Amino acid sequence: MRIDAHQHFWAVARGDYGWLTPDLDVIYRDFTPDDLAPMLKDAGIEGTLLVQAAPTVAETEYMLSLADETSFIKGVVGWVDFEASDAATQIAALDAHPALVGLRPMIQDIADQQWMLGDALTPAFTELIARGLTFDALTLPQHLGPLRNLLARHPDMKVVIDHGSKPLIRDAILEGWAADMAALASETNAWCKLSGLVTEAASDWTVDDLRPYVDHLLNTFGPSRLIWGSDWPVCTLASSFERWLETTDLLLSQLSSSERDAVMGDNAARAYNLRD
């Protein structure tokens, strides 16, 4: 099964997408399953992973309701307040829904780079691990050191690093990010999403702008731990769904068919225990 392991839906009137402002005019509108379905069909993609876009439990419940109505949504990565005193109870309640497969705090928007190491978060991580849920790490390059420390503290936690941790592609900077990602690949069992890279590149990006970063991820995490995602509709700020898919085909052209199948779906199914 080919899987888009990172996509979003939202209804602007819900009002909890603080980052979604009118200046983002291309994506400042509602996006629903009916918008994505034709693109998935054309691409031969049978399932998706729907990922949170607002730091509220209400949005997670909204996504779970969409999963009830939409056969191609194979799993939902939601949100809870990891610092809340009842975080474990919130996780247990959400996990009662069979579509919930993971949780994602919006680390990139938190000023404290060490936030994920706070003692108050331990009960949430413990509950997540006990329930076999996956932790989506929405990090920037400066968070990779703390993330390594977090995974040393919780080696049994299933972790997927979103968007390659958003390397500085538009500035052509590999240093720092490359070393930290290599360390995470060698020291932990984390997976990494091959997604969200086009919006980190310059507006006139080419395949060759992305290639050094994708090659580094292939050389470190390998095709058995990379997971493809479109990041639709956010990707449309820099690329169409179709162009990113075509770009991925070029960037993965050196892989065997079984390795491409792993990146394009099999790894997501393993990382998130996705439903049929």
Protein backbone atom coordinates (compact mmCIF):
# COMPACT_ATOMS: atom_id res chain seq x y z
CA MET A 1 0.00 0.00 0.00
CA ARG A 2 1.26 3.47 -0.91
CA ILE A 3 0.70 5.86 1.99
CA ASP A 4 0.91 9.61 2.30
CA ALA A 5 2.17 9.67 5.87
CA HIS A 6 1.78 13.39 6.48
CA GLN A 7 -1.22 15.46 5.41
CA HIS A 8 -3.65 17.87 7.02
CA PHE A 9 -7.29 18.91 6.83
CA TRP A 10 -8.72 21.99 8.48
CA ALA A 11 -11.81 24.14 8.76
CA VAL A 12 -10.73 27.74 9.28
CA ALA A 13 -13.90 28.69 11.18
CA ARG A 14 -12.95 26.26 13.95
CA GLY A 15 -10.62 29.02 15.10
CA ASP A 16 -7.79 27.11 16.77
CA TYR A 17 -5.15 27.29 14.02
CA GLY A 18 -3.14 30.17 15.44
CA TRP A 19 -0.44 29.95 12.77
CA LEU A 20 -2.94 29.95 9.87
CA THR A 21 -3.31 33.65 9.02
CA PRO A 22 -4.79 35.46 5.99
CA ASP A 23 -1.33 36.31 4.64
CA LEU A 24 -0.99 32.59 3.83
CA ASP A 25 -3.62 33.13 1.18
CA VAL A 26 -2.92 29.92 -0.79
CA ILE A 27 -3.88 27.77 2.20
CA TYR A 28 -6.13 30.15 4.12
CA ARG A 29 -9.29 28.22 3.35
CA ASP A 30 -10.89 24.94 4.29
CA PHE A 31 -9.27 21.71 3.12
CA THR A 32 -11.33 18.52 3.24
CA PRO A 33 -11.05 14.87 2.19
CA ASP A 34 -12.92 15.68 -1.02
CA ASP A 35 -10.10 18.05 -2.01
CA LEU A 36 -7.37 15.44 -1.57
CA ALA A 37 -9.14 12.31 -2.83
CA PRO A 38 -8.66 12.96 -6.58
CA MET A 39 -4.92 13.56 -6.13
CA LEU A 40 -4.52 10.38 -4.13
CA LYS A 41 -6.35 8.41 -6.80
CA ASP A 42 -4.20 9.83 -9.60
CA ALA A 43 -1.04 9.05 -7.62
CA GLY A 44 -2.08 5.52 -6.70
CA ILE A 45 -1.96 6.34 -3.00
CA GLU A 46 -4.40 4.22 -1.02
CA GLY A 47 -4.12 5.68 2.46
CA THR A 48 -2.99 8.66 4.47
CA LEU A 49 -1.89 9.67 7.92
CA LEU A 50 -3.81 12.75 9.10
CA VAL A 51 -1.65 14.96 11.33
CA GLN A 52 -2.67 17.65 13.79
CA ALA A 53 -2.43 21.31 12.83
CA ALA A 54 -3.77 22.95 16.00
CA PRO A 55 -2.65 22.57 19.64
CA THR A 56 -6.06 21.51 20.92
CA VAL A 57 -7.75 18.26 21.87
CA ALA A 58 -10.82 19.58 20.06
CA GLU A 59 -8.94 19.48 16.76
CA THR A 60 -7.83 15.93 17.46
CA GLU A 61 -11.43 14.94 18.04
CA TYR A 62 -12.34 16.69 14.77
CA MET A 63 -9.69 14.66 12.92
CA LEU A 64 -10.90 11.42 14.50
CA SER A 65 -14.41 12.22 13.29
CA LEU A 66 -13.02 12.67 9.77
CA ALA A 67 -11.32 9.29 10.07
CA ASP A 68 -14.70 7.74 10.91
CA GLU A 69 -16.10 9.13 7.66
CA THR A 70 -13.09 8.71 5.33
CA SER A 71 -11.82 5.29 4.32
CA PHE A 72 -8.43 6.50 3.09
CA ILE A 73 -7.46 7.97 6.49
CA LYS A 74 -5.55 5.06 8.02
CA GLY A 75 -4.44 6.84 11.17
CA VAL A 76 -4.47 10.15 13.07
CA VAL A 77 -1.59 11.86 14.86
CA GLY A 78 -3.24 14.10 17.43
CA TRP A 79 -2.31 16.51 20.20
CA VAL A 80 -2.56 16.74 23.96
CA ASP A 81 -0.99 19.17 26.40
CA PHE A 82 1.98 17.10 27.54
CA GLU A 83 2.45 19.40 30.53
CA ALA A 84 -1.11 19.02 31.84
CA SER A 85 -1.51 17.21 35.15
CA ASP A 86 -4.08 14.93 33.50
CA ALA A 87 -2.14 14.37 30.27
CA ALA A 88 -2.07 10.60 30.78
CA THR A 89 -5.84 10.55 31.25
CA GLN A 90 -6.31 12.64 28.08
CA ILE A 91 -4.11 10.24 26.12
CA ALA A 92 -6.05 7.24 27.40
CA ALA A 93 -9.36 8.84 26.41
CA LEU A 94 -8.19 9.66 22.88
CA ASP A 95 -6.64 6.23 22.47
CA ALA A 96 -10.09 4.71 22.87
CA HIS A 97 -10.57 5.66 19.22
CA PRO A 98 -8.96 3.04 16.95
CA ALA A 99 -7.71 5.65 14.45
CA LEU A 100 -5.37 7.37 16.93
CA VAL A 101 -1.82 6.23 16.19
CA GLY A 102 0.36 9.00 17.61
CA LEU A 103 0.72 12.40 19.23
CA ARG A 104 2.56 15.55 18.25
CA PRO A 105 3.29 18.56 20.44
CA MET A 106 4.18 21.56 18.29
CA ILE A 107 7.78 21.75 19.49
CA GLN A 108 8.87 24.11 16.70
CA ASP A 109 6.61 26.81 18.16
CA ILE A 110 7.86 26.48 21.76
CA ALA A 111 10.52 29.03 22.72
CA ASP A 112 12.31 26.79 25.23
CA GLN A 113 14.56 24.48 23.22
CA GLN A 114 14.82 22.14 26.23
CA TRP A 115 11.05 21.93 26.69
CA MET A 116 10.77 18.29 25.75
CA LEU A 117 13.12 17.36 28.62
CA GLY A 118 10.95 18.88 31.34
CA ASP A 119 10.08 16.52 34.19
CA ALA A 120 6.40 17.47 33.93
CA LEU A 121 6.21 15.70 30.57
CA THR A 122 7.34 12.30 31.84
CA PRO A 123 3.83 10.95 32.65
CA ALA A 124 2.68 11.80 29.11
CA PHE A 125 5.65 10.05 27.52
CA THR A 126 5.18 7.05 29.82
CA GLU A 127 1.51 6.73 28.84
CA LEU A 128 2.29 7.16 25.15
CA ILE A 129 4.87 4.37 25.32
CA ALA A 130 2.59 2.06 27.31
CA ARG A 131 -0.13 2.43 24.68
CA GLY A 132 2.19 1.82 21.73
CA LEU A 133 1.54 5.25 20.27
CA THR A 134 4.10 7.03 18.11
CA PHE A 135 5.68 10.36 19.00
CA ASP A 136 5.94 12.77 16.08
CA ALA A 137 8.84 15.13 16.71
CA LEU A 138 8.08 18.44 15.01
CA THR A 139 11.55 19.84 15.49
CA LEU A 140 13.93 22.37 14.00
CA PRO A 141 17.70 21.78 13.75
CA GLN A 142 18.32 23.43 17.13
CA HIS A 143 16.08 20.83 18.81
CA LEU A 144 18.04 17.80 17.68
CA GLY A 145 20.40 17.77 20.67
CA PRO A 146 17.55 17.76 23.19
CA LEU A 147 15.75 15.14 21.08
CA ARG A 148 18.77 12.84 21.34
CA ASN A 149 18.69 13.27 25.12
CA LEU A 150 14.95 12.57 25.18
CA LEU A 151 15.37 9.34 23.24
CA ALA A 152 18.22 8.26 25.51
CA ARG A 153 15.80 8.76 28.39
CA HIS A 154 12.97 6.88 26.64
CA PRO A 155 14.68 4.34 24.34
CA ASP A 156 11.49 2.30 23.92
CA MET A 157 9.46 5.20 22.51
CA LYS A 158 8.52 5.00 18.84
CA VAL A 159 9.59 8.30 17.30
CA VAL A 160 9.22 9.80 13.84
CA ILE A 161 11.09 13.04 13.10
CA ASP A 162 8.86 15.26 10.97
CA HIS A 163 10.10 16.95 7.79
CA GLY A 164 13.71 15.89 8.25
CA SER A 165 13.76 18.37 11.15
CA LYS A 166 13.47 21.24 8.65
CA PRO A 167 17.07 21.75 7.50
CA LEU A 168 18.15 25.19 6.28
CA ILE A 169 17.80 24.37 2.59
CA ARG A 170 17.24 27.92 1.31
CA ASP A 171 20.59 28.88 2.88
CA ALA A 172 22.31 25.69 1.64
CA ILE A 173 23.48 24.89 5.18
CA LEU A 174 24.19 21.24 6.00
CA GLU A 175 26.57 21.64 8.94
CA GLY A 176 25.19 20.95 12.38
CA TRP A 177 21.95 19.48 11.09
CA ALA A 178 23.80 16.76 9.20
CA ALA A 179 25.89 15.71 12.20
CA ASP A 180 22.92 15.71 14.57
CA MET A 181 20.74 13.70 12.18
CA ALA A 182 23.54 11.18 11.67
CA ALA A 183 23.86 10.79 15.44
CA LEU A 184 20.11 10.28 15.85
CA ALA A 185 20.13 7.69 13.08
CA SER A 186 23.01 5.73 14.62
CA GLU A 187 22.13 6.08 18.31
CA THR A 188 18.34 5.63 18.22
CA ASN A 189 15.61 3.68 16.44
CA ALA A 190 13.84 6.82 15.22
CA TRP A 191 12.28 7.05 11.80
CA CYS A 192 12.39 10.24 9.73
CA LYS A 193 9.79 11.72 7.41
CA LEU A 194 10.75 12.64 3.89
CA SER A 195 8.30 15.52 3.83
CA GLY A 196 8.07 19.27 4.28
CA LEU A 197 11.37 19.98 2.50
CA VAL A 198 10.07 22.15 -0.34
CA THR A 199 8.78 24.80 2.05
CA GLU A 200 12.26 25.03 3.58
CA ALA A 201 13.82 25.74 0.17
CA ALA A 202 13.90 28.95 -1.86
CA SER A 203 10.83 29.74 -3.91
CA ASP A 204 12.67 28.82 -7.13
CA TRP A 205 13.90 25.50 -5.74
CA THR A 206 15.09 22.67 -7.94
CA VAL A 207 15.60 18.96 -7.34
CA ASP A 208 19.33 19.60 -6.96
CA ASP A 209 18.67 22.01 -4.06
CA LEU A 210 16.99 19.20 -2.15
CA ARG A 211 19.28 16.36 -3.19
CA PRO A 212 22.13 16.85 -0.63
CA TYR A 213 19.62 16.72 2.23
CA VAL A 214 17.71 13.72 0.94
CA ASP A 215 20.95 11.89 0.12
CA HIS A 216 22.15 12.50 3.68
CA LEU A 217 18.91 11.10 5.11
CA LEU A 218 19.20 8.06 2.84
CA ASN A 219 22.81 7.54 3.89
CA THR A 220 22.04 7.79 7.60
CA PHE A 221 18.50 6.53 8.24
CA GLY A 222 18.45 4.38 5.11
CA PRO A 223 15.38 3.41 3.08
CA SER A 224 14.12 1.18 5.90
CA ARG A 225 13.59 4.19 8.22
CA LEU A 226 12.46 6.96 5.89
CA ILE A 227 8.75 7.68 5.50
CA TRP A 228 7.27 9.69 2.63
CA GLY A 229 4.66 12.37 3.20
CA SER A 230 3.23 15.17 1.09
CA ASP A 231 2.68 17.76 3.84
CA TRP A 232 -0.37 18.74 1.78
CA PRO A 233 -1.81 21.37 1.75
CA VAL A 234 1.12 23.20 3.40
CA CYS A 235 3.33 22.03 0.54
CA THR A 236 1.28 24.12 -1.89
CA LEU A 237 3.04 27.21 -0.54
CA ALA A 238 6.03 25.96 -2.55
CA SER A 239 4.92 23.07 -4.73
CA SER A 240 1.93 21.19 -6.03
CA PHE A 241 1.22 17.74 -4.61
CA GLU A 242 2.11 16.28 -8.02
CA ARG A 243 5.44 18.10 -8.32
CA TRP A 244 6.59 16.94 -4.89
CA LEU A 245 5.67 13.37 -5.77
CA GLU A 246 7.56 13.62 -9.08
CA THR A 247 10.53 15.13 -7.23
CA THR A 248 10.49 12.26 -4.75
CA ASP A 249 10.62 9.76 -7.62
CA LEU A 250 13.75 11.47 -8.92
CA LEU A 251 15.40 11.65 -5.50
CA LEU A 252 14.74 7.97 -4.83
CA SER A 253 15.56 6.73 -8.32
CA GLN A 254 18.72 4.94 -7.18
CA LEU A 255 16.76 2.69 -4.80
CA SER A 256 15.48 -0.76 -5.60
CA SER A 257 11.73 -1.22 -6.05
CA SER A 258 11.44 -2.83 -2.62
CA GLU A 259 13.33 0.05 -1.02
CA ARG A 260 11.06 2.59 -2.74
CA ASP A 261 8.02 0.63 -1.57
CA ALA A 262 9.36 0.86 1.98
CA VAL A 263 9.76 4.64 1.84
CA MET A 264 6.44 5.16 0.06
CA GLY A 265 4.28 3.14 2.43
CA ASP A 266 5.64 0.07 4.17
CA ASN A 267 7.67 2.02 6.73
CA ALA A 268 4.68 4.18 7.67
CA ALA A 269 2.57 1.09 8.25
CA ARG A 270 5.25 -0.26 10.61
CA ALA A 271 5.98 2.99 12.41
CA TYR A 272 2.34 3.73 13.14
CA ASN A 273 0.66 0.31 13.14
CA LEU A 274 -1.79 1.68 10.58
CA ARG A 275 -5.20 0.09 10.23
CA ASP A 276 -6.20 -1.69 7.01
